[in-house]
Amino acid sequence: MGMKHTWFHHTDCSTQQAEELMAEYRRRGVMVERSLNSDYLTWTVSARLPEGNKPPRINRQWQNRIWG
């Protein structure tokens, strides 16, 4: 059984940001799409990323041991 993939959206990107994001995702071999927003100035970049089976770990760096 393969990993589940879901779309992650970067909204309100400038043209330069969208191009940089797309280049980085393509370099990593990720399926990526770009669409122009309704304001005709910004872009939404969508990347199809793998979804893990476990929830993300909680960062306990700033948690005091007394608080539990």
Protein backbone atom coordinates (compact mmCIF):
# COMPACT_ATOMS: atom_id res chain seq x y z
CA MET A 1 0.00 0.00 0.00
CA GLY A 2 1.44 3.38 -1.06
CA MET A 3 1.39 6.63 0.81
CA LYS A 4 -1.64 8.87 0.63
CA HIS A 5 -1.04 12.18 -1.18
CA THR A 6 -2.97 15.40 -0.61
CA TRP A 7 -2.78 18.86 -2.15
CA PHE A 8 -1.09 21.62 -0.14
CA HIS A 9 -1.79 25.21 -1.25
CA HIS A 10 0.48 28.25 -0.97
CA THR A 11 -1.91 31.18 -1.43
CA ASP A 12 -1.25 34.82 -2.41
CA CYS A 13 2.23 34.32 -3.88
CA SER A 14 3.88 36.89 -6.10
CA THR A 15 5.07 35.75 -9.52
CA GLN A 16 8.66 35.43 -8.31
CA GLN A 17 7.64 33.47 -5.18
CA ALA A 18 5.47 31.15 -7.26
CA GLU A 19 8.30 30.45 -9.71
CA GLU A 20 10.75 29.74 -6.87
CA LEU A 21 8.30 27.39 -5.13
CA MET A 22 7.58 25.53 -8.35
CA ALA A 23 11.29 25.15 -9.14
CA GLU A 24 12.01 23.79 -5.66
CA TYR A 25 9.11 21.31 -5.74
CA ARG A 26 10.04 20.14 -9.25
CA ARG A 27 13.65 19.66 -8.13
CA ARG A 28 12.32 17.31 -5.44
CA GLY A 29 10.10 15.48 -7.92
CA VAL A 30 6.77 16.72 -6.53
CA MET A 31 3.74 17.31 -8.78
CA VAL A 32 3.03 21.05 -8.69
CA GLU A 33 0.47 23.38 -10.31
CA ARG A 34 0.09 27.15 -10.39
CA SER A 35 -3.15 29.11 -10.85
CA LEU A 36 -3.82 32.83 -11.07
CA ASN A 37 -6.02 34.26 -8.33
CA SER A 38 -9.12 36.32 -9.04
CA ASP A 39 -7.25 39.59 -8.34
CA TYR A 40 -5.00 38.88 -11.40
CA LEU A 41 -1.94 39.83 -9.33
CA THR A 42 -1.18 36.86 -7.09
CA TRP A 43 -0.82 33.13 -7.64
CA THR A 44 -1.80 29.99 -5.76
CA VAL A 45 0.81 27.22 -5.95
CA SER A 46 -0.52 23.72 -5.26
CA ALA A 47 1.79 20.79 -4.50
CA ARG A 48 0.75 17.15 -4.15
CA LEU A 49 2.62 16.03 -1.02
CA PRO A 50 2.69 12.68 0.81
CA GLU A 51 0.64 12.47 3.99
CA GLY A 52 2.07 10.64 6.99
CA ASN A 53 0.20 8.04 9.03
CA LYS A 54 1.19 9.56 12.38
CA PRO A 55 0.21 13.02 13.66
CA PRO A 56 3.07 15.55 13.92
CA ARG A 57 5.15 15.45 17.08
CA ILE A 58 4.52 18.11 19.71
CA ASN A 59 7.46 20.44 20.27
CA ARG A 60 8.16 20.16 23.99
CA GLN A 61 11.15 22.49 23.95
CA TRP A 62 9.39 25.26 25.87
CA GLN A 63 7.18 23.05 28.06
CA ASN A 64 8.07 22.92 31.74
CA ARG A 65 8.27 19.41 33.20
CA ILE A 66 6.13 20.49 36.16
CA TRP A 67 3.21 21.37 33.85
CA GLY A 68 3.00 17.77 32.64
